[in-house]
């Protein structure tokens, strides 16, 4: 059958194509393009508190004296993953939980004793001595780092790692008793199959896994972080089949990849999806510095690259982590029309003022967007004077390794809140940037 087109039909064709393109844009990106600029909508409800756990944490990044405590305290780390014991006091005094990577102290490959599976008696003696030297300390024992990553962290088979975990677990339990927190496997990439095999082995050998851990380091897969947590909680913590393992927590004990390490928008994308997946803790990973002459940010006392070497000046990543920590204790509900634009809103930051922390990530998206922000139930904040509130918009620029002495103030104004709902627009929200809107 042939279709007959009239002139009127042809005149409608451009409008139909535009409507189709708009619908596809909304379907895939949750964003609408108006007059050439992509738009996203964010709604915040200050009358809807949310119960979350702060996912502020870090891997390595310090020695016993540097960087100064003034750079650490504002970040309010909750979990600190370390490969040395001499930083224990600093970590605990900062308020963070101390997670010790046993394999970092043993060594990888270059250890004279070789890999644990080449000399199990030496491995057991090492673990026993380490446990005896650290009795009385509140340590979370992470047996091995990334046993699924052949170079440089594991040269053996998966089954040989399972045996290595078993022997370490048994020694730690003997020396430290039933209250010791021991877990893993701290694999480099989330894998349900690997976790199932590990947990089935532990169940068969009557071992506990007090925390289950893996790493999320692919900056192109930030949107899957919450899915992995939800799946792991449902299949492992909530499953009666694994009750004997006494899994209490899910730790994503390395987050943020090498590309995203300095990008504030990407960092907030990780935080948002970790909260959404109800992670019990997370640690910022450490990578090499930029440029041809790379230096490890793990061991140069830069808080995994968040401050500059030697002078310890804050970078954009530091400000993103600080702004997150400021509001984590009083989270309220926020919704975004795009998964790649995240909002972390709070009733009270460190200054007692409400804030909305915003990030935009994903390199495949538009270089900038127009963000339409709706703030509901502002009267719940009790900060209005004569029917007006003070708004301050600051930007955390994507300045990579450059020092950022302070956030960039873009706008300050007093506005009427009327019935308690306010519309606010950020016209050119740059990719990988973050913004902080303070209300008070």
Protein backbone atom coordinates (compact mmCIF):
# COMPACT_ATOMS: atom_id res chain seq x y z
CA UNK A 1 0.00 0.00 0.00
CA UNK A 2 1.32 3.45 -0.87
CA UNK A 3 1.09 6.45 1.45
CA UNK A 4 -0.22 9.64 -0.04
CA UNK A 5 1.41 12.91 1.20
CA UNK A 6 -0.24 16.28 0.90
CA UNK A 7 1.52 19.67 0.96
CA UNK A 8 0.13 20.13 4.46
CA UNK A 9 1.83 16.91 5.57
CA UNK A 10 5.16 18.10 4.19
CA UNK A 11 4.89 21.41 6.02
CA UNK A 12 4.42 19.50 9.27
CA UNK A 13 7.50 17.32 8.73
CA UNK A 14 10.09 19.68 10.31
CA UNK A 15 7.94 20.07 13.42
CA UNK A 16 7.53 16.31 13.69
CA UNK A 17 11.28 15.75 13.36
CA UNK A 18 11.98 18.38 16.01
CA UNK A 19 9.48 16.78 18.37
CA UNK A 20 11.04 13.36 17.77
CA UNK A 21 14.55 14.69 18.39
CA UNK A 22 13.42 16.38 21.61
CA UNK A 23 11.71 13.21 22.82
CA UNK A 24 14.84 11.15 22.14
CA UNK A 25 16.99 13.71 23.95
CA UNK A 26 14.78 13.54 27.02
CA UNK A 27 14.64 9.75 26.86
CA UNK A 28 18.40 9.23 26.73
CA UNK A 29 19.73 12.22 28.64
CA UNK A 30 16.90 13.61 30.75
CA UNK A 31 17.77 17.01 29.33
CA UNK A 32 15.99 19.37 26.97
CA UNK A 33 17.67 21.59 24.39
CA UNK A 34 16.18 25.04 24.07
CA UNK A 35 17.54 27.54 21.56
CA UNK A 36 20.75 25.52 21.21
CA UNK A 37 21.56 24.98 24.91
CA UNK A 38 20.84 21.77 26.77
CA UNK A 39 18.77 22.25 29.91
CA UNK A 40 18.42 20.19 33.07
CA UNK A 41 15.96 20.55 35.92
CA UNK A 42 16.73 19.92 39.59
CA UNK A 43 14.13 19.92 42.38
CA UNK A 44 15.08 20.21 46.06
CA UNK A 45 12.65 19.71 48.95
CA UNK A 46 13.92 21.06 52.27
CA UNK A 47 10.99 19.41 54.09
CA UNK A 48 12.10 15.90 53.08
CA UNK A 49 15.08 14.76 55.18
CA UNK A 50 17.09 11.78 53.93
CA UNK A 51 19.04 9.36 56.11
CA UNK A 52 22.46 8.72 54.54
CA UNK A 53 25.95 7.73 55.59
CA UNK A 54 28.81 10.01 54.62
CA UNK A 55 30.99 8.40 51.96
CA UNK A 56 33.91 10.76 52.51
CA UNK A 57 37.10 8.71 52.72
CA UNK A 58 40.58 8.31 51.32
CA UNK A 59 43.35 5.88 50.38
CA UNK A 60 46.88 6.66 51.67
CA UNK A 61 47.68 10.37 51.21
CA UNK A 62 49.59 11.21 54.43
CA UNK A 63 52.59 10.41 56.59
CA UNK A 64 52.74 10.88 60.38
CA UNK A 65 53.13 14.67 60.05
CA UNK A 66 52.15 15.89 56.55
CA UNK A 67 50.02 17.40 55.18
CA UNK A 68 48.96 19.56 58.16
CA UNK A 69 45.82 18.71 60.09
CA UNK A 70 44.24 21.94 58.84
CA UNK A 71 43.93 20.35 55.39
CA UNK A 72 42.48 17.12 56.77
CA UNK A 73 39.95 18.19 59.39
CA UNK A 74 37.53 20.03 57.04
CA UNK A 75 37.12 16.91 54.89
CA UNK A 76 35.67 14.87 57.78
CA UNK A 77 36.82 11.50 56.45
CA UNK A 78 34.86 8.53 57.75
CA UNK A 79 36.98 5.73 56.26
CA UNK A 80 40.75 5.79 55.75
CA UNK A 81 42.44 2.94 53.90
CA UNK A 82 46.14 2.69 54.62
CA UNK A 83 49.12 0.49 53.87
CA UNK A 84 51.13 1.57 56.91
CA UNK A 85 50.51 1.52 60.64
CA UNK A 86 52.49 4.62 61.64
CA UNK A 87 49.61 6.87 60.49
CA UNK A 88 47.12 5.12 62.79
CA UNK A 89 47.02 7.85 65.45
CA UNK A 90 46.51 10.65 62.91
CA UNK A 91 43.73 8.74 61.20
CA UNK A 92 41.86 7.83 64.37
CA UNK A 93 42.26 11.33 65.80
CA UNK A 94 40.72 12.73 62.61
CA UNK A 95 37.57 10.72 63.30
CA UNK A 96 38.01 8.18 60.52
CA UNK A 97 37.86 4.40 60.70
CA UNK A 98 41.31 2.87 60.04
CA UNK A 99 41.33 0.16 57.37
CA UNK A 100 44.69 -1.60 57.03
CA UNK A 101 45.72 -3.28 53.77
CA UNK A 102 47.70 -6.28 54.98
CA UNK A 103 49.09 -7.03 51.51
CA UNK A 104 50.69 -3.56 51.28
CA UNK A 105 52.83 -4.41 54.29
CA UNK A 106 53.70 -7.85 52.93
CA UNK A 107 54.55 -6.52 49.46
CA UNK A 108 53.81 -7.54 45.89
CA UNK A 109 56.12 -9.71 43.84
CA UNK A 110 59.33 -8.09 45.09
CA UNK A 111 58.90 -9.51 48.59
CA UNK A 112 61.80 -11.90 49.36
CA UNK A 113 59.22 -14.42 50.52
CA UNK A 114 57.43 -14.20 47.18
CA UNK A 115 53.67 -14.49 46.97
CA UNK A 116 51.82 -15.98 49.94
CA UNK A 117 50.93 -19.15 48.02
CA UNK A 118 54.65 -19.78 47.47
CA UNK A 119 55.34 -19.82 51.21
CA UNK A 120 52.20 -20.12 53.33
CA UNK A 121 54.10 -20.60 56.62
CA UNK A 122 55.90 -17.28 56.07
CA UNK A 123 52.58 -15.58 55.25
CA UNK A 124 50.97 -16.94 58.41
CA UNK A 125 53.93 -15.89 60.55
CA UNK A 126 53.81 -12.40 59.06
CA UNK A 127 50.09 -12.00 59.72
CA UNK A 128 50.46 -13.32 63.26
CA UNK A 129 53.26 -10.88 64.08
CA UNK A 130 51.29 -7.98 62.58
CA UNK A 131 48.24 -8.87 64.66
CA UNK A 132 50.27 -9.21 67.85
CA UNK A 133 51.96 -5.85 67.30
CA UNK A 134 48.63 -4.08 66.88
CA UNK A 135 46.42 -5.61 69.54
CA UNK A 136 44.17 -3.06 71.16
CA UNK A 137 43.91 -0.89 68.06
CA UNK A 138 40.60 -0.45 66.25
CA UNK A 139 41.65 -1.73 62.86
CA UNK A 140 39.51 -2.93 59.97
CA UNK A 141 41.57 -5.73 58.41
CA UNK A 142 41.62 -5.73 54.60
CA UNK A 143 43.55 -8.87 53.71
CA UNK A 144 44.60 -8.22 50.10
CA UNK A 145 44.36 -5.45 47.51
CA UNK A 146 42.92 -6.18 44.05
CA UNK A 147 43.56 -9.93 43.77
CA UNK A 148 41.76 -9.84 40.41
CA UNK A 149 44.40 -7.49 38.95
CA UNK A 150 47.39 -9.53 37.76
CA UNK A 151 49.90 -6.72 37.39
CA UNK A 152 51.13 -5.85 39.94
CA UNK A 153 48.85 -7.08 42.71
CA UNK A 154 48.34 -10.81 42.19
CA UNK A 155 50.19 -13.39 40.12
CA UNK A 156 48.36 -16.47 41.33
CA UNK A 157 45.00 -18.04 40.66
CA UNK A 158 41.72 -17.00 42.18
CA UNK A 159 41.71 -20.14 44.31
CA UNK A 160 45.19 -19.31 45.64
CA UNK A 161 43.90 -15.93 46.77
CA UNK A 162 40.97 -17.61 48.53
CA UNK A 163 43.45 -19.82 50.39
CA UNK A 164 45.55 -16.75 51.24
CA UNK A 165 42.47 -15.06 52.69
CA UNK A 166 41.56 -18.17 54.69
CA UNK A 167 44.96 -18.44 56.32
CA UNK A 168 45.09 -14.73 57.16
CA UNK A 169 41.54 -14.79 58.50
CA UNK A 170 42.22 -17.76 60.77
CA UNK A 171 45.37 -16.17 62.24
CA UNK A 172 43.70 -12.78 62.77
CA UNK A 173 40.72 -14.41 64.45
CA UNK A 174 42.96 -16.49 66.71
CA UNK A 175 45.02 -13.49 67.77
CA UNK A 176 42.35 -10.78 67.94
CA UNK A 177 39.21 -12.64 68.91
CA UNK A 178 35.60 -12.55 67.70
CA UNK A 179 35.32 -8.75 67.64
CA UNK A 180 38.00 -8.24 64.98
CA UNK A 181 36.62 -6.90 61.69
CA UNK A 182 38.06 -8.85 58.75
CA UNK A 183 36.95 -8.72 55.14
CA UNK A 184 37.56 -8.30 51.44
CA UNK A 185 38.10 -9.15 48.65
CA UNK A 186 38.73 -5.51 47.54
CA UNK A 187 38.66 -6.46 43.86
CA UNK A 188 39.55 -3.83 41.26
CA UNK A 189 36.29 -4.14 39.30
CA UNK A 190 32.85 -5.07 40.58
CA UNK A 191 32.10 -8.66 39.58
CA UNK A 192 29.12 -10.54 40.93
CA UNK A 193 30.63 -13.84 39.74
CA UNK A 194 33.88 -13.21 41.60
CA UNK A 195 32.06 -12.19 44.78
CA UNK A 196 29.83 -15.27 44.63
CA UNK A 197 32.86 -17.56 44.22
CA UNK A 198 34.67 -15.84 47.10
CA UNK A 199 31.70 -16.00 49.44
CA UNK A 200 30.89 -19.60 48.58
CA UNK A 201 34.49 -20.53 49.41
CA UNK A 202 34.31 -18.67 52.70
CA UNK A 203 31.02 -20.32 53.57
CA UNK A 204 32.39 -23.78 52.79
CA UNK A 205 35.45 -23.10 54.95
CA UNK A 206 33.53 -21.51 57.84
CA UNK A 207 35.14 -18.08 57.40
CA UNK A 208 33.54 -14.72 58.05
CA UNK A 209 33.56 -11.73 55.72
CA UNK A 210 32.62 -8.88 58.04
CA UNK A 211 32.71 -6.39 55.19
CA UNK A 212 32.43 -6.92 51.46
CA UNK A 213 34.54 -4.61 49.30
CA UNK A 214 35.36 -3.71 45.72
CA UNK A 215 36.58 -0.71 43.72
CA UNK A 216 34.79 1.66 41.32
CA UNK A 217 37.45 3.35 39.18
CA UNK A 218 35.91 3.64 35.71
CA UNK A 219 34.94 7.29 35.26
CA UNK A 220 32.72 6.31 32.32
CA UNK A 221 30.63 4.04 34.56
CA UNK A 222 29.75 6.35 37.45
CA UNK A 223 26.06 5.70 36.82
CA UNK A 224 26.50 1.99 37.63
CA UNK A 225 27.96 2.51 41.11
CA UNK A 226 24.56 2.53 42.84
CA UNK A 227 23.37 -0.48 40.82
CA UNK A 228 26.33 -2.55 42.02
CA UNK A 229 25.67 -1.62 45.65
CA UNK A 230 21.98 -2.40 45.41
CA UNK A 231 22.71 -5.76 43.77
CA UNK A 232 25.35 -6.70 46.35
CA UNK A 233 23.15 -5.75 49.28
CA UNK A 234 20.23 -7.74 47.93
CA UNK A 235 22.20 -10.84 46.93
CA UNK A 236 24.71 -11.04 49.76
CA UNK A 237 23.84 -9.06 52.90
CA UNK A 238 20.10 -9.67 52.73
CA UNK A 239 20.33 -13.27 51.50
CA UNK A 240 19.85 -15.97 54.16
CA UNK A 241 22.28 -18.12 52.16
CA UNK A 242 25.18 -15.96 53.38
CA UNK A 243 24.03 -15.24 56.92
CA UNK A 244 26.84 -17.35 58.41
CA UNK A 245 29.43 -14.99 56.91
CA UNK A 246 28.22 -12.10 59.09
CA UNK A 247 28.58 -9.49 56.34
CA UNK A 248 27.71 -6.19 57.99
CA UNK A 249 28.96 -3.54 55.58
CA UNK A 250 29.60 -2.76 51.93
CA UNK A 251 32.73 -0.72 51.31
CA UNK A 252 33.70 0.71 47.95
CA UNK A 253 37.19 1.23 49.25
CA UNK A 254 38.59 2.86 46.13
CA UNK A 255 36.59 5.36 44.06
CA UNK A 256 37.29 7.92 41.29
CA UNK A 257 39.50 7.02 38.34
CA UNK A 258 42.66 8.61 37.04
CA UNK A 259 40.82 10.85 34.57
CA UNK A 260 38.26 12.04 37.10
CA UNK A 261 40.60 12.52 40.08
CA UNK A 262 40.72 16.32 39.73
CA UNK A 263 37.24 16.93 38.29
CA UNK A 264 34.81 18.24 40.91
CA UNK A 265 31.71 17.35 38.90
CA UNK A 266 32.80 13.74 38.50
CA UNK A 267 33.73 13.45 42.17
CA UNK A 268 30.22 14.55 43.14
CA UNK A 269 28.81 12.03 40.68
CA UNK A 270 30.53 9.27 42.63
CA UNK A 271 29.32 10.64 45.97
CA UNK A 272 25.73 10.90 44.77
CA UNK A 273 25.60 7.35 43.44
CA UNK A 274 27.36 5.95 46.50
CA UNK A 275 24.72 7.56 48.71
CA UNK A 276 21.97 6.34 46.41
CA UNK A 277 23.31 2.78 46.69
CA UNK A 278 23.67 3.13 50.49
CA UNK A 279 27.39 2.41 50.68
CA UNK A 280 28.70 2.06 54.22
CA UNK A 281 31.97 3.74 53.31
CA UNK A 282 34.22 4.71 50.42
CA UNK A 283 37.80 5.87 49.85
CA UNK A 284 39.14 8.24 47.22
CA UNK A 285 41.78 6.38 45.18
CA UNK A 286 45.22 7.78 44.38
CA UNK A 287 46.88 7.98 40.97
CA UNK A 288 49.86 9.50 39.21
CA UNK A 289 50.06 13.24 38.65
CA UNK A 290 49.41 14.76 35.22
CA UNK A 291 52.03 15.28 32.53
CA UNK A 292 54.97 13.18 31.32
CA UNK A 293 56.87 13.20 34.64
CA UNK A 294 54.30 11.45 36.77
CA UNK A 295 54.60 11.34 40.54
CA UNK A 296 52.43 9.05 42.64
CA UNK A 297 49.76 10.95 44.55
CA UNK A 298 49.58 7.99 46.91
CA UNK A 299 52.81 8.75 48.73
CA UNK A 300 53.57 12.47 48.28
CA UNK A 301 51.36 13.60 51.19
CA UNK A 302 48.85 15.38 48.93
CA UNK A 303 45.70 13.68 50.24
CA UNK A 304 45.60 11.59 47.06
CA UNK A 305 46.13 14.67 44.91
CA UNK A 306 43.65 16.99 46.63
CA UNK A 307 46.33 19.45 47.76
CA UNK A 308 49.51 20.59 46.03
CA UNK A 309 52.83 18.92 46.87
CA UNK A 310 55.01 20.61 49.50
CA UNK A 311 52.91 23.78 49.86
CA UNK A 312 49.69 21.81 50.59
CA UNK A 313 47.39 24.32 48.89
CA UNK A 314 43.85 23.11 48.14
CA UNK A 315 42.86 22.05 44.66
CA UNK A 316 39.36 21.92 43.17
CA UNK A 317 39.03 18.30 44.30
CA UNK A 318 39.65 19.38 47.90
CA UNK A 319 36.85 21.97 47.72
CA UNK A 320 34.45 19.41 46.26
CA UNK A 321 35.20 17.00 49.11
CA UNK A 322 34.88 19.76 51.71
CA UNK A 323 31.54 20.96 50.37
CA UNK A 324 30.29 17.36 50.40
CA UNK A 325 31.43 16.81 53.99
CA UNK A 326 29.85 20.10 55.08
CA UNK A 327 26.36 18.92 54.20
CA UNK A 328 26.43 15.15 54.64
CA UNK A 329 24.82 15.17 58.09
CA UNK A 330 21.59 16.91 57.07
CA UNK A 331 20.75 15.62 53.61
CA UNK A 332 17.35 16.45 52.07
CA UNK A 333 15.71 15.04 48.98
CA UNK A 334 16.75 16.21 45.54
CA UNK A 335 15.76 15.02 42.08
CA UNK A 336 17.39 15.71 38.72
CA UNK A 337 15.99 15.27 35.23
CA UNK A 338 19.43 14.04 34.14
CA UNK A 339 21.45 11.25 35.74
CA UNK A 340 24.58 13.18 34.80
CA UNK A 341 23.59 16.26 36.76
CA UNK A 342 23.58 15.50 40.49
CA UNK A 343 22.37 17.51 43.44
CA UNK A 344 23.37 16.92 47.07
CA UNK A 345 21.22 19.23 49.17
CA UNK A 346 21.40 19.85 52.92
CA UNK A 347 19.51 21.83 55.55
CA UNK A 348 22.67 22.82 57.40
CA UNK A 349 26.33 23.02 56.42
CA UNK A 350 29.33 23.69 58.68
CA UNK A 351 28.19 27.32 59.00
CA UNK A 352 24.62 26.38 59.88
CA UNK A 353 23.31 27.38 56.46
CA UNK A 354 21.45 25.33 53.89
CA UNK A 355 23.33 24.40 50.75
CA UNK A 356 22.80 22.73 47.40
CA UNK A 357 25.89 21.08 45.95
CA UNK A 358 25.67 20.48 42.19
CA UNK A 359 27.88 18.52 39.80
CA UNK A 360 27.85 17.80 36.07
CA UNK A 361 29.87 14.94 34.59
CA UNK A 362 30.19 12.56 31.62
CA UNK A 363 32.50 13.51 28.78
CA UNK A 364 29.96 12.52 26.12
CA UNK A 365 27.60 15.34 27.06
CA UNK A 366 27.31 18.99 26.13
CA UNK A 367 30.19 21.23 27.25
CA UNK A 368 27.72 23.37 29.21
CA UNK A 369 24.08 23.32 30.22
CA UNK A 370 21.42 25.61 31.60
CA UNK A 371 20.38 24.38 35.03
CA UNK A 372 16.91 25.20 36.31
CA UNK A 373 16.75 24.76 40.06
CA UNK A 374 13.51 24.61 42.07
CA UNK A 375 13.86 25.05 45.84
CA UNK A 376 10.76 23.93 47.73
CA UNK A 377 9.75 24.42 51.38
CA UNK A 378 12.31 27.13 52.05
CA UNK A 379 10.30 28.25 55.08
CA UNK A 380 11.45 25.05 56.80
CA UNK A 381 14.92 26.59 57.04
CA UNK A 382 13.81 29.48 59.29
CA UNK A 383 16.37 31.81 57.75
CA UNK A 384 14.10 34.34 56.04
CA UNK A 385 14.18 37.96 57.19
CA UNK A 386 11.30 40.17 56.14
CA UNK A 387 10.24 37.46 53.72
CA UNK A 388 13.64 37.32 52.00
CA UNK A 389 16.59 34.94 52.03
CA UNK A 390 20.24 35.46 51.09
CA UNK A 391 21.60 33.36 48.23
CA UNK A 392 25.28 32.94 47.37
CA UNK A 393 26.36 31.00 44.29
CA UNK A 394 29.95 29.76 44.15
CA UNK A 395 31.75 27.72 41.51
CA UNK A 396 34.32 24.98 42.03
CA UNK A 397 36.18 25.21 38.71
CA UNK A 398 37.60 22.25 36.84
CA UNK A 399 41.15 23.56 37.34
CA UNK A 400 42.81 20.15 37.53
CA UNK A 401 46.13 20.36 39.45
CA UNK A 402 46.15 24.13 39.93
CA UNK A 403 45.80 25.49 43.45
CA UNK A 404 42.35 26.94 44.16
CA UNK A 405 42.57 29.27 47.14
CA UNK A 406 38.81 29.61 47.45
CA UNK A 407 35.62 28.93 45.59
CA UNK A 408 34.67 31.54 43.00
CA UNK A 409 31.74 33.72 44.08
CA UNK A 410 29.53 34.29 41.04
CA UNK A 411 26.48 35.93 42.54
CA UNK A 412 25.02 37.10 45.85
CA UNK A 413 21.51 38.44 46.29
CA UNK A 414 18.54 38.72 48.63
CA UNK A 415 15.36 37.31 47.14
CA UNK A 416 11.75 36.99 48.25
CA UNK A 417 10.59 33.44 48.91
CA UNK A 418 6.88 34.14 48.58
CA UNK A 419 5.02 30.92 49.34
CA UNK A 420 8.26 29.07 50.12
CA UNK A 421 9.22 27.90 46.63
CA UNK A 422 11.91 29.59 44.56
CA UNK A 423 13.15 29.18 40.99
CA UNK A 424 16.87 29.70 40.40
CA UNK A 425 18.86 29.43 37.17
CA UNK A 426 22.54 28.69 36.55
CA UNK A 427 22.86 29.63 32.87
CA UNK A 428 26.24 28.14 31.85
CA UNK A 429 27.01 25.12 33.99
CA UNK A 430 30.29 23.73 32.67
CA UNK A 431 31.02 20.04 32.19
CA UNK A 432 33.05 18.57 35.10
CA UNK A 433 32.43 21.68 37.22
CA UNK A 434 30.60 21.93 40.54
CA UNK A 435 28.54 24.70 42.11
CA UNK A 436 27.55 25.45 45.68
CA UNK A 437 24.40 27.45 46.36
CA UNK A 438 24.33 28.60 49.98
CA UNK A 439 21.04 29.71 51.53
CA UNK A 440 21.00 31.66 54.74
